[in-house]
Amino acid sequence: MIKHLHLRSTPPATTLEALWETLARTLPVLTTALSRVKALMERRRVRNELASLDDRMLRDMGVSRYDVAQEIRKPF
């Protein structure tokens, strides 16, 4: 004898609740990741700006060309 499977579709409210639960778990992770990417981009911008300064400006800040080279080599 073959039994028929009755597949129930999930009611819309339950599907919506599941979506909200998934978003609630995922959003903080995405927010953290985006914040880190933003920080990396800002560091890159600042390092590029630092590299573009002339020796007089660096000297006024108390920074040497060597210091700039060290900073630019950092991966993060």
N, C-alpha and C. Protein backbone atom coordinates (compact mmCIF):
# COMPACT_ATOMS: atom_id res chain seq x y z
N MET A 1 0.84 -1.17 0.00
CA MET A 1 0.00 0.00 0.00
C MET A 1 0.89 1.24 0.00
N ILE A 2 0.58 2.19 -0.84
CA ILE A 2 1.34 3.43 -0.94
C ILE A 2 0.67 4.48 -0.08
N LYS A 3 1.45 5.04 0.78
CA LYS A 3 0.92 6.11 1.63
C LYS A 3 1.21 7.44 0.95
N HIS A 4 0.26 8.29 0.97
CA HIS A 4 0.43 9.61 0.38
C HIS A 4 1.03 10.55 1.42
N LEU A 5 2.03 11.25 1.00
CA LEU A 5 2.63 12.24 1.88
C LEU A 5 1.88 13.55 1.72
N HIS A 6 1.52 14.10 2.78
CA HIS A 6 0.85 15.40 2.75
C HIS A 6 1.87 16.45 3.14
N LEU A 7 2.34 17.16 2.16
CA LEU A 7 3.32 18.21 2.43
C LEU A 7 2.56 19.49 2.76
N ARG A 8 2.83 19.98 3.90
CA ARG A 8 2.19 21.23 4.29
C ARG A 8 3.12 22.37 3.95
N SER A 9 2.58 23.37 3.36
CA SER A 9 3.40 24.56 3.13
C SER A 9 3.38 25.38 4.41
N THR A 10 4.47 26.03 4.65
CA THR A 10 4.59 26.84 5.86
C THR A 10 3.70 28.07 5.73
N PRO A 11 2.91 28.33 6.72
CA PRO A 11 2.07 29.52 6.65
C PRO A 11 2.92 30.78 6.52
N PRO A 12 2.43 31.78 5.85
CA PRO A 12 3.21 33.01 5.64
C PRO A 12 3.74 33.63 6.93
N ALA A 13 2.97 33.61 7.99
CA ALA A 13 3.42 34.22 9.24
C ALA A 13 4.66 33.50 9.76
N THR A 14 4.67 32.18 9.68
CA THR A 14 5.81 31.41 10.16
C THR A 14 7.03 31.68 9.27
N THR A 15 6.81 31.76 7.98
CA THR A 15 7.91 32.06 7.07
C THR A 15 8.48 33.44 7.37
N LEU A 16 7.62 34.40 7.60
CA LEU A 16 8.07 35.75 7.94
C LEU A 16 8.82 35.77 9.26
N GLU A 17 8.32 35.03 10.22
CA GLU A 17 9.01 34.94 11.52
C GLU A 17 10.40 34.33 11.34
N ALA A 18 10.49 33.30 10.53
CA ALA A 18 11.79 32.66 10.28
C ALA A 18 12.74 33.63 9.59
N LEU A 19 12.21 34.40 8.66
CA LEU A 19 13.03 35.41 7.98
C LEU A 19 13.56 36.43 8.98
N TRP A 20 12.69 36.91 9.85
CA TRP A 20 13.12 37.90 10.86
C TRP A 20 14.16 37.31 11.80
N GLU A 21 13.97 36.05 12.18
CA GLU A 21 14.95 35.40 13.06
C GLU A 21 16.31 35.29 12.36
N THR A 22 16.27 34.92 11.09
CA THR A 22 17.51 34.82 10.32
C THR A 22 18.19 36.18 10.20
N LEU A 23 17.40 37.20 9.91
CA LEU A 23 17.96 38.55 9.82
C LEU A 23 18.54 39.00 11.16
N ALA A 24 17.84 38.68 12.23
CA ALA A 24 18.30 39.07 13.57
C ALA A 24 19.64 38.43 13.89
N ARG A 25 19.84 37.20 13.41
CA ARG A 25 21.13 36.53 13.65
C ARG A 25 22.21 37.02 12.70
N THR A 26 21.83 37.35 11.48
CA THR A 26 22.79 37.70 10.45
C THR A 26 23.21 39.17 10.50
N LEU A 27 22.30 40.03 10.82
CA LEU A 27 22.57 41.47 10.79
C LEU A 27 23.77 41.89 11.64
N PRO A 28 23.89 41.43 12.87
CA PRO A 28 25.08 41.83 13.65
C PRO A 28 26.39 41.38 13.01
N VAL A 29 26.39 40.21 12.41
CA VAL A 29 27.60 39.72 11.75
C VAL A 29 27.94 40.61 10.56
N LEU A 30 26.93 40.94 9.76
CA LEU A 30 27.15 41.82 8.61
C LEU A 30 27.60 43.21 9.04
N THR A 31 26.99 43.72 10.10
CA THR A 31 27.35 45.04 10.61
C THR A 31 28.81 45.06 11.06
N THR A 32 29.22 44.02 11.76
CA THR A 32 30.61 43.92 12.22
C THR A 32 31.56 43.84 11.03
N ALA A 33 31.21 43.02 10.05
CA ALA A 33 32.06 42.87 8.86
C ALA A 33 32.18 44.19 8.11
N LEU A 34 31.07 44.88 7.94
CA LEU A 34 31.10 46.17 7.24
C LEU A 34 31.91 47.20 8.02
N SER A 35 31.81 47.19 9.32
CA SER A 35 32.60 48.11 10.14
C SER A 35 34.09 47.86 9.97
N ARG A 36 34.46 46.59 9.91
CA ARG A 36 35.88 46.25 9.73
C ARG A 36 36.38 46.67 8.35
N VAL A 37 35.56 46.45 7.34
CA VAL A 37 35.94 46.86 5.99
C VAL A 37 36.09 48.38 5.94
N LYS A 38 35.17 49.09 6.57
CA LYS A 38 35.24 50.55 6.61
C LYS A 38 36.52 51.02 7.30
N ALA A 39 36.88 50.37 8.40
CA ALA A 39 38.11 50.72 9.11
C ALA A 39 39.35 50.46 8.24
N LEU A 40 39.34 49.34 7.53
CA LEU A 40 40.47 49.03 6.64
C LEU A 40 40.59 50.07 5.53
N MET A 41 39.47 50.47 4.98
CA MET A 41 39.49 51.48 3.92
C MET A 41 39.98 52.83 4.45
N GLU A 42 39.59 53.17 5.66
CA GLU A 42 40.03 54.43 6.26
C GLU A 42 41.54 54.40 6.51
N ARG A 43 42.05 53.26 7.02
CA ARG A 43 43.50 53.14 7.23
C ARG A 43 44.26 53.29 5.91
N ARG A 44 43.72 52.68 4.88
CA ARG A 44 44.37 52.78 3.57
C ARG A 44 44.40 54.23 3.09
N ARG A 45 43.27 54.93 3.25
CA ARG A 45 43.20 56.32 2.84
C ARG A 45 44.21 57.17 3.60
N VAL A 46 44.29 56.97 4.91
CA VAL A 46 45.21 57.74 5.75
C VAL A 46 46.65 57.43 5.37
N ARG A 47 46.95 56.16 5.14
CA ARG A 47 48.32 55.78 4.75
C ARG A 47 48.70 56.37 3.41
N ASN A 48 47.76 56.37 2.47
CA ASN A 48 48.04 56.99 1.17
C ASN A 48 48.28 58.49 1.32
N GLU A 49 47.50 59.12 2.17
CA GLU A 49 47.68 60.56 2.41
C GLU A 49 49.03 60.82 3.08
N LEU A 50 49.38 59.99 4.02
CA LEU A 50 50.67 60.12 4.71
C LEU A 50 51.82 59.98 3.71
N ALA A 51 51.68 59.02 2.80
CA ALA A 51 52.73 58.80 1.80
C ALA A 51 52.87 59.97 0.84
N SER A 52 51.82 60.74 0.68
CA SER A 52 51.86 61.86 -0.27
C SER A 52 52.45 63.14 0.33
N LEU A 53 52.68 63.16 1.64
CA LEU A 53 53.22 64.35 2.28
C LEU A 53 54.70 64.52 1.94
N ASP A 54 55.12 65.78 1.85
CA ASP A 54 56.54 66.02 1.57
C ASP A 54 57.34 65.96 2.88
N ASP A 55 58.66 65.96 2.73
CA ASP A 55 59.55 65.80 3.89
C ASP A 55 59.35 66.90 4.93
N ARG A 56 59.09 68.10 4.50
CA ARG A 56 58.89 69.20 5.44
C ARG A 56 57.66 68.95 6.32
N MET A 57 56.58 68.52 5.68
CA MET A 57 55.36 68.23 6.45
C MET A 57 55.56 67.07 7.41
N LEU A 58 56.27 66.06 6.95
CA LEU A 58 56.55 64.92 7.83
C LEU A 58 57.41 65.35 9.01
N ARG A 59 58.41 66.17 8.75
CA ARG A 59 59.30 66.67 9.80
C ARG A 59 58.50 67.49 10.82
N ASP A 60 57.55 68.32 10.34
CA ASP A 60 56.71 69.10 11.24
C ASP A 60 55.89 68.20 12.17
N MET A 61 55.55 67.03 11.68
CA MET A 61 54.76 66.08 12.49
C MET A 61 55.66 65.17 13.33
N GLY A 62 56.96 65.24 13.09
CA GLY A 62 57.89 64.38 13.83
C GLY A 62 57.91 62.96 13.29
N VAL A 63 57.63 62.83 11.99
CA VAL A 63 57.59 61.51 11.35
C VAL A 63 58.66 61.47 10.27
N SER A 64 59.38 60.36 10.21
CA SER A 64 60.42 60.22 9.18
C SER A 64 59.88 59.45 7.98
N ARG A 65 60.61 59.52 6.88
CA ARG A 65 60.25 58.74 5.69
C ARG A 65 60.25 57.24 6.02
N TYR A 66 61.19 56.84 6.89
CA TYR A 66 61.25 55.44 7.32
C TYR A 66 59.96 55.05 8.04
N ASP A 67 59.49 55.92 8.93
CA ASP A 67 58.24 55.65 9.65
C ASP A 67 57.07 55.48 8.67
N VAL A 68 57.04 56.33 7.67
CA VAL A 68 55.98 56.25 6.66
C VAL A 68 56.08 54.92 5.91
N ALA A 69 57.27 54.53 5.53
CA ALA A 69 57.47 53.28 4.80
C ALA A 69 57.02 52.09 5.66
N GLN A 70 57.35 52.12 6.94
CA GLN A 70 56.93 51.06 7.85
C GLN A 70 55.40 50.99 7.94
N GLU A 71 54.78 52.13 8.04
CA GLU A 71 53.31 52.19 8.17
C GLU A 71 52.64 51.68 6.89
N ILE A 72 53.18 52.05 5.76
CA ILE A 72 52.57 51.66 4.49
C ILE A 72 52.68 50.15 4.26
N ARG A 73 53.72 49.53 4.78
CA ARG A 73 53.92 48.10 4.60
C ARG A 73 52.95 47.23 5.42
N LYS A 74 52.30 47.81 6.41
CA LYS A 74 51.39 47.04 7.25
C LYS A 74 50.23 46.51 6.43
N PRO A 75 49.88 45.25 6.65
CA PRO A 75 48.79 44.65 5.86
C PRO A 75 47.41 45.12 6.29
N PHE A 76 47.28 45.57 7.54
CA PHE A 76 45.96 45.96 8.04
C PHE A 76 45.97 47.38 8.50
